[in-house]
N, C-alpha and C. Protein backbone atom coordinates (compact mmCIF):
# COMPACT_ATOMS: atom_id res chain seq x y z
N UNK A 1 242.81 142.52 36.19
CA UNK A 1 242.34 143.06 37.45
C UNK A 1 241.35 142.07 38.07
N UNK A 2 241.54 141.77 39.33
CA UNK A 2 240.68 140.85 40.04
C UNK A 2 239.59 141.63 40.75
N UNK A 3 238.35 141.18 40.59
CA UNK A 3 237.21 141.81 41.26
C UNK A 3 236.89 141.00 42.49
N UNK A 4 236.91 141.65 43.63
CA UNK A 4 236.60 140.99 44.90
C UNK A 4 235.13 141.26 45.22
N UNK A 5 234.36 140.22 45.47
CA UNK A 5 232.94 140.46 45.80
C UNK A 5 232.81 141.11 47.16
N UNK A 6 231.81 141.96 47.29
CA UNK A 6 231.54 142.60 48.56
C UNK A 6 230.86 141.62 49.50
N UNK A 7 230.94 141.83 50.81
CA UNK A 7 230.25 140.92 51.74
C UNK A 7 228.76 140.81 51.47
N UNK A 8 228.13 141.93 51.05
CA UNK A 8 226.69 141.91 50.77
C UNK A 8 226.39 141.01 49.58
N UNK A 9 227.18 141.16 48.50
CA UNK A 9 226.90 140.36 47.30
C UNK A 9 227.22 138.87 47.57
N UNK A 10 228.23 138.59 48.39
CA UNK A 10 228.56 137.23 48.74
C UNK A 10 227.41 136.59 49.53
N UNK A 11 226.85 137.36 50.49
CA UNK A 11 225.70 136.88 51.28
C UNK A 11 224.54 136.59 50.36
N UNK A 12 224.30 137.49 49.39
CA UNK A 12 223.17 137.32 48.48
C UNK A 12 223.38 136.09 47.58
N UNK A 13 224.60 135.86 47.14
CA UNK A 13 224.87 134.69 46.29
C UNK A 13 224.58 133.39 47.03
N UNK A 14 224.93 133.35 48.31
CA UNK A 14 224.71 132.14 49.11
C UNK A 14 223.23 131.88 49.33
N UNK A 15 222.41 132.93 49.34
CA UNK A 15 220.99 132.83 49.62
C UNK A 15 220.14 133.20 48.41
N UNK A 16 220.68 132.97 47.25
CA UNK A 16 220.03 133.38 46.00
C UNK A 16 218.60 132.89 45.91
N UNK A 17 218.36 131.63 46.12
CA UNK A 17 216.99 131.08 46.01
C UNK A 17 216.10 131.58 47.15
N UNK A 18 216.65 131.73 48.34
CA UNK A 18 215.87 132.13 49.50
C UNK A 18 215.31 133.55 49.33
N UNK A 19 216.11 134.46 48.78
CA UNK A 19 215.64 135.85 48.70
C UNK A 19 214.98 136.18 47.37
N UNK A 20 214.82 135.17 46.49
CA UNK A 20 213.98 135.36 45.31
C UNK A 20 214.68 135.78 44.04
N UNK A 21 215.98 135.68 43.94
CA UNK A 21 216.68 135.99 42.71
C UNK A 21 216.77 134.73 41.87
N UNK A 22 215.92 134.61 40.86
CA UNK A 22 215.92 133.40 40.05
C UNK A 22 216.77 133.52 38.79
N UNK A 23 217.28 134.73 38.48
CA UNK A 23 218.12 134.91 37.30
C UNK A 23 219.50 135.45 37.68
N UNK A 24 220.02 135.06 38.81
CA UNK A 24 221.33 135.54 39.23
C UNK A 24 221.23 136.68 40.23
N UNK A 25 222.33 136.93 40.87
CA UNK A 25 222.40 137.96 41.92
C UNK A 25 222.90 139.26 41.29
N UNK A 26 222.29 140.40 41.66
CA UNK A 26 222.77 141.68 41.12
C UNK A 26 224.21 141.94 41.53
N UNK A 27 224.90 142.72 40.73
CA UNK A 27 226.27 143.09 41.03
C UNK A 27 226.31 143.91 42.33
N UNK A 28 227.45 143.89 42.97
CA UNK A 28 227.61 144.64 44.23
C UNK A 28 227.31 146.13 44.06
N UNK A 29 227.68 146.70 42.93
CA UNK A 29 227.41 148.13 42.69
C UNK A 29 225.91 148.39 42.57
N UNK A 30 225.18 147.45 42.02
CA UNK A 30 223.72 147.60 41.91
C UNK A 30 223.10 147.57 43.32
N UNK A 31 223.56 146.65 44.14
CA UNK A 31 223.06 146.56 45.51
C UNK A 31 223.39 147.87 46.25
N UNK A 32 224.59 148.38 46.05
CA UNK A 32 225.01 149.62 46.71
C UNK A 32 224.11 150.78 46.29
N UNK A 33 223.86 150.90 44.99
CA UNK A 33 223.00 151.97 44.48
C UNK A 33 221.59 151.88 45.08
N UNK A 34 221.08 150.68 45.21
CA UNK A 34 219.76 150.48 45.80
C UNK A 34 219.77 150.92 47.27
N UNK A 35 220.75 150.45 48.02
CA UNK A 35 220.80 150.76 49.45
C UNK A 35 220.98 152.25 49.71
N UNK A 36 221.74 152.94 48.87
CA UNK A 36 221.94 154.39 49.09
C UNK A 36 220.71 155.21 48.75
N UNK A 37 219.77 154.64 48.01
CA UNK A 37 218.54 155.36 47.65
C UNK A 37 217.38 155.12 48.62
N UNK A 38 217.54 154.16 49.53
CA UNK A 38 216.48 153.85 50.49
C UNK A 38 216.46 154.86 51.61
N UNK A 39 215.29 155.06 52.18
CA UNK A 39 215.13 155.94 53.35
C UNK A 39 215.75 155.25 54.56
N UNK A 40 216.84 155.78 55.06
CA UNK A 40 217.57 155.11 56.15
C UNK A 40 216.75 154.95 57.41
N UNK A 41 215.92 155.94 57.74
CA UNK A 41 215.09 155.83 58.95
C UNK A 41 214.06 154.71 58.79
N UNK A 42 213.48 154.58 57.61
CA UNK A 42 212.49 153.56 57.37
C UNK A 42 213.14 152.17 57.41
N UNK A 43 214.29 152.02 56.78
CA UNK A 43 214.99 150.74 56.79
C UNK A 43 215.37 150.36 58.22
N UNK A 44 215.87 151.32 58.97
CA UNK A 44 216.25 151.06 60.36
C UNK A 44 215.05 150.61 61.18
N UNK A 45 213.93 151.30 61.01
CA UNK A 45 212.72 150.96 61.74
C UNK A 45 212.21 149.57 61.38
N UNK A 46 212.21 149.26 60.10
CA UNK A 46 211.72 147.94 59.65
C UNK A 46 212.64 146.83 60.16
N UNK A 47 213.94 147.04 60.09
CA UNK A 47 214.87 146.01 60.55
C UNK A 47 214.78 145.83 62.07
N UNK A 48 214.66 146.91 62.81
CA UNK A 48 214.51 146.81 64.27
C UNK A 48 213.24 146.07 64.64
N UNK A 49 212.14 146.36 63.94
CA UNK A 49 210.90 145.66 64.20
C UNK A 49 210.99 144.19 63.87
N UNK A 50 211.68 143.87 62.78
CA UNK A 50 211.87 142.47 62.40
C UNK A 50 212.70 141.73 63.43
N UNK A 51 213.75 142.37 63.93
CA UNK A 51 214.57 141.74 64.96
C UNK A 51 213.78 141.53 66.26
N UNK A 52 212.95 142.52 66.62
CA UNK A 52 212.11 142.39 67.81
C UNK A 52 211.13 141.23 67.66
N UNK A 53 210.58 141.06 66.45
CA UNK A 53 209.61 139.99 66.21
C UNK A 53 210.29 138.62 66.29
N UNK A 54 211.55 138.55 65.96
CA UNK A 54 212.30 137.28 66.00
C UNK A 54 212.76 136.93 67.41
N UNK A 55 212.68 137.89 68.32
CA UNK A 55 213.11 137.65 69.70
C UNK A 55 212.20 136.61 70.32
N UNK A 56 212.79 135.58 70.93
CA UNK A 56 211.93 134.55 71.55
C UNK A 56 211.17 135.14 72.73
N UNK A 57 209.90 134.74 72.89
CA UNK A 57 209.13 135.24 74.02
C UNK A 57 209.69 134.69 75.33
N UNK A 58 209.52 135.47 76.38
CA UNK A 58 209.98 135.01 77.69
C UNK A 58 209.07 133.90 78.19
N UNK A 59 209.66 132.80 78.58
CA UNK A 59 208.89 131.64 79.06
C UNK A 59 208.19 131.95 80.36
N UNK A 60 208.85 132.69 81.23
CA UNK A 60 208.32 133.02 82.54
C UNK A 60 208.32 134.54 82.68
N UNK A 61 207.22 135.08 83.16
CA UNK A 61 207.15 136.52 83.38
C UNK A 61 208.18 136.91 84.43
N UNK A 62 208.89 137.98 84.16
CA UNK A 62 209.91 138.44 85.10
C UNK A 62 209.27 139.15 86.27
N UNK A 63 209.88 139.05 87.45
CA UNK A 63 209.37 139.83 88.57
C UNK A 63 209.39 141.32 88.27
N UNK A 64 208.56 142.07 88.94
CA UNK A 64 208.40 143.50 88.67
C UNK A 64 209.72 144.26 88.81
N UNK A 65 210.62 143.81 89.64
CA UNK A 65 211.86 144.57 89.85
C UNK A 65 212.79 144.53 88.65
N UNK A 66 212.55 143.61 87.72
CA UNK A 66 213.38 143.56 86.51
C UNK A 66 212.71 144.39 85.42
N UNK A 67 213.50 145.18 84.76
CA UNK A 67 212.99 146.05 83.70
C UNK A 67 213.80 145.84 82.43
N UNK A 68 213.24 146.30 81.34
CA UNK A 68 214.00 146.34 80.10
C UNK A 68 215.01 147.47 80.24
N UNK A 69 216.27 147.16 80.01
CA UNK A 69 217.34 148.15 80.11
C UNK A 69 217.84 148.45 78.71
N UNK A 70 217.82 149.74 78.37
CA UNK A 70 218.29 150.18 77.05
C UNK A 70 219.45 151.13 77.25
N UNK A 71 220.58 150.78 76.64
CA UNK A 71 221.77 151.63 76.72
C UNK A 71 221.79 152.56 75.51
N UNK A 72 222.05 153.83 75.76
CA UNK A 72 222.12 154.85 74.71
C UNK A 72 223.55 155.34 74.62
N UNK A 73 224.09 155.35 73.41
CA UNK A 73 225.44 155.83 73.21
C UNK A 73 225.61 156.37 71.80
N UNK A 74 226.52 157.27 71.63
CA UNK A 74 226.80 157.85 70.33
C UNK A 74 228.17 157.39 69.84
N UNK A 75 228.27 157.21 68.54
CA UNK A 75 229.52 156.78 67.92
C UNK A 75 229.72 157.51 66.62
N UNK A 76 230.95 157.84 66.33
CA UNK A 76 231.32 158.39 65.04
C UNK A 76 231.77 157.24 64.15
N UNK A 77 231.21 157.13 62.97
CA UNK A 77 231.51 156.02 62.09
C UNK A 77 232.85 156.26 61.38
N UNK A 78 233.73 155.30 61.46
CA UNK A 78 235.02 155.39 60.77
C UNK A 78 234.83 155.20 59.28
N UNK A 79 235.43 156.05 58.50
CA UNK A 79 235.40 155.88 57.06
C UNK A 79 234.14 156.36 56.38
N UNK A 80 233.12 156.73 57.13
CA UNK A 80 231.88 157.21 56.52
C UNK A 80 231.90 158.73 56.51
N UNK A 81 231.68 159.31 55.37
CA UNK A 81 231.71 160.75 55.22
C UNK A 81 230.40 161.27 54.65
N UNK A 82 230.02 162.43 55.09
CA UNK A 82 228.84 163.11 54.57
C UNK A 82 229.22 163.85 53.29
N UNK A 83 228.22 164.40 52.61
CA UNK A 83 228.49 165.12 51.34
C UNK A 83 229.43 166.29 51.54
N UNK A 84 229.37 166.95 52.72
CA UNK A 84 230.24 168.09 52.98
C UNK A 84 231.62 167.69 53.51
N UNK A 85 231.88 166.39 53.60
CA UNK A 85 233.18 165.90 54.06
C UNK A 85 233.24 165.60 55.56
N UNK A 86 232.19 166.00 56.29
CA UNK A 86 232.16 165.74 57.72
C UNK A 86 231.90 164.27 58.03
N UNK A 87 232.20 163.88 59.25
CA UNK A 87 231.99 162.49 59.65
C UNK A 87 230.55 162.26 60.08
N UNK A 88 230.09 161.02 59.92
CA UNK A 88 228.76 160.61 60.34
C UNK A 88 228.81 160.22 61.80
N UNK A 89 227.88 160.79 62.58
CA UNK A 89 227.80 160.48 64.01
C UNK A 89 226.39 159.98 64.29
N UNK A 90 226.29 158.80 64.93
CA UNK A 90 224.99 158.20 65.23
C UNK A 90 224.77 158.10 66.73
N UNK A 91 223.52 158.20 67.14
CA UNK A 91 223.10 157.96 68.51
C UNK A 91 222.21 156.73 68.46
N UNK A 92 222.58 155.70 69.24
CA UNK A 92 221.90 154.40 69.15
C UNK A 92 221.32 153.99 70.50
N UNK A 93 220.22 153.22 70.42
CA UNK A 93 219.59 152.64 71.61
C UNK A 93 219.68 151.13 71.49
N UNK A 94 220.34 150.50 72.45
CA UNK A 94 220.60 149.06 72.41
C UNK A 94 219.87 148.36 73.55
N UNK A 95 219.09 147.33 73.22
CA UNK A 95 218.44 146.51 74.24
C UNK A 95 219.51 145.61 74.84
N UNK A 96 219.82 145.79 76.10
CA UNK A 96 220.93 145.05 76.71
C UNK A 96 220.64 143.57 76.92
N UNK A 97 219.37 143.19 76.93
CA UNK A 97 219.05 141.78 77.13
C UNK A 97 219.22 140.96 75.86
N UNK A 98 219.08 141.61 74.71
CA UNK A 98 219.19 140.86 73.45
C UNK A 98 220.37 141.29 72.60
N UNK A 99 220.97 142.45 72.89
CA UNK A 99 222.06 142.94 72.08
C UNK A 99 221.57 143.53 70.77
N UNK A 100 220.29 143.83 70.68
CA UNK A 100 219.68 144.37 69.46
C UNK A 100 219.63 145.89 69.52
N UNK A 101 220.07 146.54 68.43
CA UNK A 101 219.92 147.97 68.32
C UNK A 101 218.46 148.23 67.94
N UNK A 102 217.73 148.89 68.83
CA UNK A 102 216.33 149.16 68.61
C UNK A 102 216.09 150.34 67.69
N UNK A 103 216.94 151.35 67.81
CA UNK A 103 216.78 152.54 66.98
C UNK A 103 218.10 153.30 66.98
N UNK A 104 218.27 154.08 65.92
CA UNK A 104 219.43 154.99 65.88
C UNK A 104 219.05 156.19 65.04
N UNK A 105 219.63 157.32 65.40
CA UNK A 105 219.39 158.58 64.68
C UNK A 105 220.73 159.20 64.37
N UNK A 106 220.75 159.97 63.30
CA UNK A 106 221.95 160.67 62.91
C UNK A 106 222.00 162.00 63.69
N UNK A 107 223.16 162.29 64.26
CA UNK A 107 223.36 163.52 65.01
C UNK A 107 223.77 164.61 64.03
N UNK A 108 223.12 165.77 64.11
CA UNK A 108 223.45 166.88 63.23
C UNK A 108 224.90 167.29 63.44
N UNK A 109 225.60 167.58 62.35
CA UNK A 109 227.02 167.92 62.43
C UNK A 109 227.28 169.21 63.19
N UNK A 110 226.30 170.11 63.20
CA UNK A 110 226.50 171.39 63.88
C UNK A 110 225.96 171.37 65.30
N UNK A 111 225.73 170.17 65.83
CA UNK A 111 225.11 170.04 67.14
C UNK A 111 225.84 168.95 67.92
N UNK A 112 225.29 168.63 69.07
CA UNK A 112 225.79 167.49 69.84
C UNK A 112 224.67 166.47 69.96
N UNK A 113 224.83 165.50 70.82
CA UNK A 113 223.87 164.40 70.93
C UNK A 113 222.57 164.78 71.65
N UNK A 114 222.57 165.85 72.40
CA UNK A 114 221.41 166.20 73.23
C UNK A 114 220.14 166.40 72.41
N UNK A 115 220.15 167.20 71.32
CA UNK A 115 218.91 167.34 70.54
C UNK A 115 218.45 166.05 69.87
N UNK A 116 219.33 165.12 69.65
CA UNK A 116 218.98 163.85 68.99
C UNK A 116 218.42 162.83 69.95
N UNK A 117 218.50 163.09 71.25
CA UNK A 117 218.04 162.12 72.25
C UNK A 117 216.52 161.95 72.21
N UNK A 118 215.78 163.04 72.07
CA UNK A 118 214.33 162.98 72.04
C UNK A 118 213.80 162.20 70.83
N UNK A 119 214.29 162.45 69.61
CA UNK A 119 213.84 161.62 68.47
C UNK A 119 214.19 160.14 68.63
N UNK A 120 215.30 159.86 69.30
CA UNK A 120 215.69 158.48 69.55
C UNK A 120 214.68 157.81 70.49
N UNK A 121 214.29 158.51 71.54
CA UNK A 121 213.29 157.98 72.48
C UNK A 121 211.95 157.75 71.76
N UNK A 122 211.57 158.69 70.87
CA UNK A 122 210.33 158.51 70.10
C UNK A 122 210.40 157.26 69.23
N UNK A 123 211.54 157.02 68.62
CA UNK A 123 211.70 155.84 67.75
C UNK A 123 211.60 154.56 68.57
N UNK A 124 212.20 154.55 69.78
CA UNK A 124 212.12 153.39 70.66
C UNK A 124 210.69 153.18 71.11
N UNK A 125 210.01 154.26 71.46
CA UNK A 125 208.60 154.14 71.90
C UNK A 125 207.74 153.60 70.77
N UNK A 126 207.97 154.05 69.55
CA UNK A 126 207.18 153.55 68.40
C UNK A 126 207.39 152.06 68.21
N UNK A 127 208.60 151.59 68.46
CA UNK A 127 208.92 150.18 68.27
C UNK A 127 208.34 149.32 69.40
N UNK A 128 208.53 149.77 70.65
CA UNK A 128 208.08 148.99 71.80
C UNK A 128 206.61 149.20 72.16
N UNK A 129 206.04 150.31 71.71
CA UNK A 129 204.65 150.61 72.02
C UNK A 129 204.50 151.47 73.26
N UNK A 130 205.47 151.41 74.16
CA UNK A 130 205.41 152.20 75.40
C UNK A 130 206.80 152.22 76.02
N UNK A 131 207.07 153.26 76.81
CA UNK A 131 208.34 153.32 77.53
C UNK A 131 208.15 152.99 79.00
N UNK A 132 206.95 152.49 79.35
CA UNK A 132 206.70 152.08 80.74
C UNK A 132 207.59 150.90 81.08
N UNK A 133 208.14 150.91 82.27
CA UNK A 133 209.01 149.84 82.76
C UNK A 133 210.30 149.70 81.96
N UNK A 134 210.72 150.76 81.27
CA UNK A 134 211.97 150.75 80.52
C UNK A 134 212.95 151.68 81.21
N UNK A 135 214.14 151.17 81.44
CA UNK A 135 215.20 151.96 82.07
C UNK A 135 216.24 152.30 81.01
N UNK A 136 216.52 153.59 80.83
CA UNK A 136 217.54 154.03 79.89
C UNK A 136 218.82 154.37 80.62
N UNK A 137 219.92 153.91 80.07
CA UNK A 137 221.23 154.18 80.64
C UNK A 137 222.01 154.95 79.61
N UNK A 138 222.51 156.13 80.01
CA UNK A 138 223.24 156.98 79.05
C UNK A 138 224.44 157.61 79.76
N UNK A 139 225.40 158.07 78.98
CA UNK A 139 226.57 158.70 79.58
C UNK A 139 226.29 160.17 79.87
N UNK A 140 227.30 160.90 80.35
CA UNK A 140 227.13 162.26 80.81
C UNK A 140 226.87 163.25 79.67
N UNK A 141 226.98 162.85 78.42
CA UNK A 141 226.71 163.79 77.34
C UNK A 141 225.25 164.20 77.27
N UNK A 142 224.36 163.46 77.94
CA UNK A 142 222.95 163.82 77.94
C UNK A 142 222.63 164.88 78.99
N UNK A 143 223.61 165.32 79.77
CA UNK A 143 223.40 166.30 80.82
C UNK A 143 223.75 167.68 80.26
N UNK A 144 222.83 168.62 80.39
CA UNK A 144 223.07 169.96 79.87
C UNK A 144 222.79 170.98 80.99
N UNK A 145 223.69 171.94 81.16
CA UNK A 145 223.47 173.01 82.12
C UNK A 145 222.75 174.13 81.42
N UNK A 146 221.83 174.76 82.14
CA UNK A 146 221.07 175.86 81.52
C UNK A 146 221.77 177.16 81.76
């Protein structure tokens, strides 16, 4: 039987010295077990902050008419299943100028995207520090009739 390395373990093998593994790279299953035990919201927040920090600063201040534009959209993940067999649905906020996902939240299976929109905005605000001068673009699923 041939064992095919996972993309994560292949990436780790190529960067073994850089990421601090001096006695070999853990098996793919070990990496998987580690990743499944991590707090997904915390990992997402840390990675988004790291990506924001790597973003090059703007050389010239933009005129006031230009704003940060963040696109919000929900997607159902193919092949990902919850413990009850339902599909995983995420609501994400993408910075359109960098292509970076700033935050994402899991949508409750017994709900739609509307209740998840406010926690997503809170996560973006925590990352950016403020929502001033930020324009959000979302589809019609955010509209609710009373």
